[in-house]
N, C-alpha and C. Protein backbone atom coordinates (compact mmCIF):
# COMPACT_ATOMS: atom_id res chain seq x y z
N MET A 1 0.81 -1.17 0.01
CA MET A 1 0.03 0.05 0.02
C MET A 1 0.84 1.28 0.00
N ASP A 2 1.91 1.26 -0.77
CA ASP A 2 2.78 2.38 -0.88
C ASP A 2 2.13 3.61 -1.49
N ASN A 3 1.20 3.35 -2.41
CA ASN A 3 0.57 4.45 -3.18
C ASN A 3 -0.75 4.88 -2.50
N GLY A 4 -1.06 4.53 -1.34
CA GLY A 4 -2.32 4.89 -0.67
C GLY A 4 -2.58 6.44 -0.63
N PHE A 5 -1.50 7.16 -0.28
CA PHE A 5 -1.58 8.61 -0.18
C PHE A 5 -1.97 9.22 -1.52
N SER A 6 -1.21 8.71 -2.57
CA SER A 6 -1.48 9.25 -3.95
C SER A 6 -2.86 8.95 -4.37
N ILE A 7 -3.30 7.74 -4.16
CA ILE A 7 -4.66 7.45 -4.57
C ILE A 7 -5.70 8.29 -3.86
N LEU A 8 -5.53 8.42 -2.57
CA LEU A 8 -6.49 9.20 -1.81
C LEU A 8 -6.47 10.68 -2.30
N MET A 9 -5.31 11.29 -2.61
CA MET A 9 -5.25 12.56 -3.10
C MET A 9 -5.81 12.70 -4.50
N PHE A 10 -5.68 11.70 -5.35
CA PHE A 10 -6.31 11.75 -6.63
C PHE A 10 -7.85 11.69 -6.51
N ILE A 11 -8.32 10.92 -5.55
CA ILE A 11 -9.78 10.86 -5.36
C ILE A 11 -10.28 12.24 -4.78
N PHE A 12 -9.55 12.88 -3.88
CA PHE A 12 -9.79 14.20 -3.36
C PHE A 12 -9.80 15.21 -4.55
N ALA A 13 -8.82 15.18 -5.31
CA ALA A 13 -8.73 16.13 -6.45
C ALA A 13 -9.86 15.94 -7.40
N GLY A 14 -10.27 14.70 -7.62
CA GLY A 14 -11.44 14.47 -8.50
C GLY A 14 -12.68 15.00 -7.98
N ALA A 15 -12.93 14.86 -6.66
CA ALA A 15 -14.08 15.38 -5.97
C ALA A 15 -14.04 16.89 -6.03
N LEU A 16 -12.98 17.54 -5.86
CA LEU A 16 -12.85 18.98 -6.00
C LEU A 16 -13.17 19.41 -7.42
N LEU A 17 -12.63 18.71 -8.42
CA LEU A 17 -12.89 19.10 -9.79
C LEU A 17 -14.33 18.91 -10.19
N LEU A 18 -14.94 17.83 -9.63
CA LEU A 18 -16.44 17.64 -9.86
C LEU A 18 -17.21 18.81 -9.26
N TYR A 19 -16.89 19.24 -8.12
CA TYR A 19 -17.60 20.38 -7.44
C TYR A 19 -17.31 21.60 -8.29
N ALA A 20 -16.12 21.87 -8.70
CA ALA A 20 -15.84 23.08 -9.49
C ALA A 20 -16.66 23.03 -10.81
N ALA A 21 -16.70 21.87 -11.41
CA ALA A 21 -17.44 21.80 -12.66
C ALA A 21 -18.89 21.99 -12.47
N LEU A 22 -19.46 21.55 -11.41
CA LEU A 22 -20.87 21.78 -11.17
C LEU A 22 -21.18 23.23 -10.86
N LEU A 23 -20.31 23.91 -10.13
CA LEU A 23 -20.38 25.29 -9.86
C LEU A 23 -20.36 26.16 -11.14
N ALA A 24 -19.31 25.72 -12.01
CA ALA A 24 -19.15 26.49 -13.30
C ALA A 24 -20.29 26.33 -14.23
N ILE A 25 -20.86 25.06 -14.28
CA ILE A 25 -21.94 24.83 -15.20
C ILE A 25 -23.29 25.42 -14.72
N THR A 26 -23.58 25.31 -13.42
CA THR A 26 -24.84 25.78 -13.00
C THR A 26 -24.88 27.27 -12.65
N LYS A 27 -23.68 27.77 -12.17
CA LYS A 27 -23.52 29.11 -11.69
C LYS A 27 -24.52 29.46 -10.57
N ASP A 28 -24.86 28.37 -9.80
CA ASP A 28 -25.77 28.51 -8.74
C ASP A 28 -25.08 28.89 -7.40
N TYR A 29 -25.37 30.16 -6.98
CA TYR A 29 -24.71 30.65 -5.77
C TYR A 29 -25.11 29.88 -4.56
N ASN A 30 -26.27 29.25 -4.55
CA ASN A 30 -26.75 28.48 -3.41
C ASN A 30 -26.08 27.22 -3.19
N MET A 31 -25.22 26.80 -4.19
CA MET A 31 -24.43 25.59 -3.96
C MET A 31 -23.22 25.73 -3.14
N LEU A 32 -22.92 27.05 -2.79
CA LEU A 32 -21.82 27.29 -1.82
C LEU A 32 -22.29 26.96 -0.41
N PRO A 33 -21.35 26.68 0.46
CA PRO A 33 -21.71 26.39 1.88
C PRO A 33 -22.46 27.58 2.43
N LEU A 34 -23.30 27.32 3.47
CA LEU A 34 -24.20 28.32 4.04
C LEU A 34 -23.30 29.47 4.64
N ARG A 35 -22.22 29.18 5.28
CA ARG A 35 -21.42 30.24 5.82
C ARG A 35 -20.90 31.20 4.77
N ALA A 36 -20.58 30.62 3.61
CA ALA A 36 -20.03 31.57 2.46
C ALA A 36 -21.20 32.42 1.94
N THR A 37 -22.34 31.86 1.88
CA THR A 37 -23.44 32.65 1.29
C THR A 37 -23.97 33.68 2.25
N VAL A 38 -23.65 33.47 3.53
CA VAL A 38 -24.06 34.56 4.53
C VAL A 38 -23.06 35.60 4.65
N SER A 39 -21.82 35.23 4.63
CA SER A 39 -20.67 36.24 4.81
C SER A 39 -20.34 37.03 3.58
N VAL A 40 -20.51 36.43 2.37
CA VAL A 40 -20.20 37.17 1.10
C VAL A 40 -21.50 37.47 0.39
N GLN A 41 -21.69 38.74 0.18
CA GLN A 41 -22.83 39.19 -0.61
C GLN A 41 -22.38 39.90 -1.85
N PRO A 42 -22.02 39.14 -2.91
CA PRO A 42 -21.49 39.82 -4.14
C PRO A 42 -22.69 40.45 -4.88
N ARG A 43 -22.38 41.47 -5.65
CA ARG A 43 -23.28 42.16 -6.53
C ARG A 43 -23.79 41.27 -7.66
N ASN A 44 -22.83 40.45 -8.15
CA ASN A 44 -23.18 39.55 -9.25
C ASN A 44 -22.92 38.10 -8.75
N PRO A 45 -23.80 37.42 -8.19
CA PRO A 45 -23.60 36.09 -7.67
C PRO A 45 -23.17 35.06 -8.67
N GLU A 46 -23.72 35.15 -9.88
CA GLU A 46 -23.34 34.13 -10.94
C GLU A 46 -21.90 34.37 -11.30
N ARG A 47 -21.42 35.52 -11.56
CA ARG A 47 -20.07 35.77 -11.88
C ARG A 47 -19.03 35.38 -10.73
N TYR A 48 -19.50 35.66 -9.47
CA TYR A 48 -18.65 35.21 -8.37
C TYR A 48 -18.57 33.75 -8.30
N THR A 49 -19.64 33.08 -8.52
CA THR A 49 -19.65 31.62 -8.48
C THR A 49 -18.75 31.03 -9.52
N LEU A 50 -18.72 31.58 -10.71
CA LEU A 50 -17.88 31.14 -11.83
C LEU A 50 -16.40 31.31 -11.43
N GLN A 51 -16.04 32.51 -10.91
CA GLN A 51 -14.69 32.80 -10.49
C GLN A 51 -14.25 31.89 -9.37
N LEU A 52 -15.10 31.60 -8.42
CA LEU A 52 -14.73 30.70 -7.36
C LEU A 52 -14.60 29.26 -7.91
N ALA A 53 -15.35 28.91 -8.84
CA ALA A 53 -15.15 27.56 -9.46
C ALA A 53 -13.80 27.42 -10.09
N LYS A 54 -13.32 28.57 -10.74
CA LYS A 54 -11.93 28.58 -11.34
C LYS A 54 -10.92 28.34 -10.22
N VAL A 55 -11.10 28.95 -9.10
CA VAL A 55 -10.09 28.84 -8.05
C VAL A 55 -10.15 27.38 -7.48
N ILE A 56 -11.31 26.79 -7.33
CA ILE A 56 -11.46 25.48 -6.78
C ILE A 56 -10.75 24.49 -7.77
N GLY A 57 -10.97 24.68 -9.06
CA GLY A 57 -10.40 23.87 -10.00
C GLY A 57 -8.86 23.97 -10.03
N LEU A 58 -8.33 25.18 -9.81
CA LEU A 58 -6.92 25.39 -9.71
C LEU A 58 -6.30 24.69 -8.55
N VAL A 59 -6.98 24.76 -7.44
CA VAL A 59 -6.48 23.97 -6.19
C VAL A 59 -6.53 22.59 -6.50
N ALA A 60 -7.52 22.07 -7.15
CA ALA A 60 -7.66 20.65 -7.35
C ALA A 60 -6.56 20.17 -8.30
N ALA A 61 -6.19 21.07 -9.25
CA ALA A 61 -5.07 20.70 -10.21
C ALA A 61 -3.75 20.60 -9.44
N ALA A 62 -3.53 21.48 -8.46
CA ALA A 62 -2.35 21.44 -7.70
C ALA A 62 -2.33 20.17 -6.84
N VAL A 63 -3.41 19.75 -6.30
CA VAL A 63 -3.47 18.54 -5.54
C VAL A 63 -3.22 17.28 -6.48
N ALA A 64 -3.75 17.32 -7.62
CA ALA A 64 -3.54 16.27 -8.56
C ALA A 64 -2.08 16.14 -9.07
N ILE A 65 -1.49 17.30 -9.29
CA ILE A 65 -0.07 17.28 -9.72
C ILE A 65 0.86 16.66 -8.58
N GLY A 66 0.54 17.22 -7.31
CA GLY A 66 1.30 16.64 -6.20
C GLY A 66 1.04 15.19 -6.00
N ALA A 67 -0.12 14.69 -6.23
CA ALA A 67 -0.40 13.25 -6.09
C ALA A 67 0.29 12.42 -7.22
N ALA A 68 0.47 13.02 -8.39
CA ALA A 68 1.18 12.35 -9.45
C ALA A 68 2.59 12.30 -9.20
N VAL A 69 3.20 13.34 -8.61
CA VAL A 69 4.58 13.34 -8.24
C VAL A 69 4.85 12.34 -7.06
N SER A 70 3.93 12.23 -6.10
CA SER A 70 4.05 11.38 -5.03
C SER A 70 4.06 9.85 -5.37
N LEU A 71 3.56 9.58 -6.56
CA LEU A 71 3.74 8.15 -7.00
C LEU A 71 5.16 7.81 -7.23
N TRP A 72 6.02 8.85 -7.59
CA TRP A 72 7.43 8.63 -7.70
C TRP A 72 8.14 8.74 -6.43
N ASN A 73 7.92 9.81 -5.67
CA ASN A 73 8.60 10.01 -4.44
C ASN A 73 7.60 10.72 -3.43
N MET A 74 7.35 10.12 -2.40
CA MET A 74 6.30 10.62 -1.40
C MET A 74 6.60 12.02 -0.83
N LEU A 75 7.92 12.12 -0.42
CA LEU A 75 8.27 13.46 0.18
C LEU A 75 8.24 14.62 -0.82
N VAL A 76 8.76 14.37 -1.92
CA VAL A 76 8.72 15.32 -3.05
C VAL A 76 7.31 15.71 -3.48
N GLY A 77 6.48 14.63 -3.61
CA GLY A 77 5.10 14.85 -3.89
C GLY A 77 4.32 15.73 -2.87
N ALA A 78 4.60 15.48 -1.62
CA ALA A 78 3.88 16.25 -0.60
C ALA A 78 4.42 17.72 -0.58
N ILE A 79 5.65 17.89 -0.89
CA ILE A 79 6.18 19.27 -1.02
C ILE A 79 5.60 19.94 -2.17
N VAL A 80 5.54 19.34 -3.35
CA VAL A 80 4.94 19.89 -4.50
C VAL A 80 3.48 20.25 -4.28
N MET A 81 2.74 19.36 -3.62
CA MET A 81 1.40 19.58 -3.35
C MET A 81 1.17 20.74 -2.36
N LEU A 82 1.98 20.88 -1.37
CA LEU A 82 1.84 21.89 -0.43
C LEU A 82 2.23 23.28 -1.08
N VAL A 83 3.34 23.33 -1.85
CA VAL A 83 3.68 24.58 -2.57
C VAL A 83 2.60 24.92 -3.64
N GLY A 84 2.21 23.95 -4.29
CA GLY A 84 1.13 24.12 -5.34
C GLY A 84 -0.24 24.59 -4.83
N VAL A 85 -0.57 24.14 -3.68
CA VAL A 85 -1.86 24.54 -3.13
C VAL A 85 -1.65 26.01 -2.58
N ILE A 86 -0.57 26.29 -2.04
CA ILE A 86 -0.39 27.75 -1.54
C ILE A 86 -0.33 28.67 -2.70
N ALA A 87 0.38 28.34 -3.76
CA ALA A 87 0.41 29.16 -4.99
C ALA A 87 -0.96 29.35 -5.62
N ALA A 88 -1.79 28.23 -5.63
CA ALA A 88 -3.10 28.30 -6.24
C ALA A 88 -3.95 29.20 -5.41
N ILE A 89 -3.93 29.10 -4.09
CA ILE A 89 -4.70 29.95 -3.31
C ILE A 89 -4.32 31.35 -3.43
N TRP A 90 -2.99 31.66 -3.50
CA TRP A 90 -2.56 33.02 -3.65
C TRP A 90 -3.03 33.57 -4.99
N LEU A 91 -2.97 32.77 -6.08
CA LEU A 91 -3.37 33.19 -7.39
C LEU A 91 -4.95 33.32 -7.35
N GLY A 92 -5.61 32.46 -6.60
CA GLY A 92 -7.01 32.45 -6.51
C GLY A 92 -7.58 33.72 -5.90
N THR A 93 -6.94 34.29 -4.89
CA THR A 93 -7.36 35.53 -4.22
C THR A 93 -7.30 36.62 -5.30
N LYS A 94 -6.33 36.56 -6.19
CA LYS A 94 -6.22 37.61 -7.19
C LYS A 94 -7.38 37.48 -8.18
N ILE A 95 -7.75 36.19 -8.55
CA ILE A 95 -8.82 35.92 -9.42
C ILE A 95 -10.15 36.45 -8.89
N VAL A 96 -10.44 36.15 -7.60
CA VAL A 96 -11.64 36.52 -7.07
C VAL A 96 -11.68 38.03 -6.80
N LYS A 97 -10.62 38.68 -6.49
CA LYS A 97 -10.62 40.15 -6.23
C LYS A 97 -10.82 40.90 -7.50
N ASP A 98 -10.50 40.36 -8.60
CA ASP A 98 -10.56 40.96 -9.91
C ASP A 98 -11.92 40.75 -10.60
N THR A 99 -12.87 40.23 -9.79
CA THR A 99 -14.30 39.93 -10.31
C THR A 99 -14.92 41.35 -10.54
N PRO A 100 -15.34 41.57 -11.71
CA PRO A 100 -16.07 42.93 -11.94
C PRO A 100 -17.44 42.83 -11.27
N ASP A 101 -17.84 43.99 -10.79
CA ASP A 101 -19.14 44.10 -10.15
C ASP A 101 -20.27 44.29 -11.12
């Protein structure tokens, strides 16, 4: 069971990508968790949901890349995943802040 971590991270990345795809396709602001819908009141909820779906997809891609690398080397894969997720979240804040009203 050497590849258990990688398999679990691939499943997690797939679930995140599925959620991002559902958000992007439906553009339904109510699919966000209740705390997010209460704390964030955007002027254009459909546009905000689409931008947030892009960010979730970006984070999922970082997790998937880290999982692929961890098939080769567990420590390097975990580092790639951690750095990738941090970079994706940093870029994601810029994507969401640039959402036109």
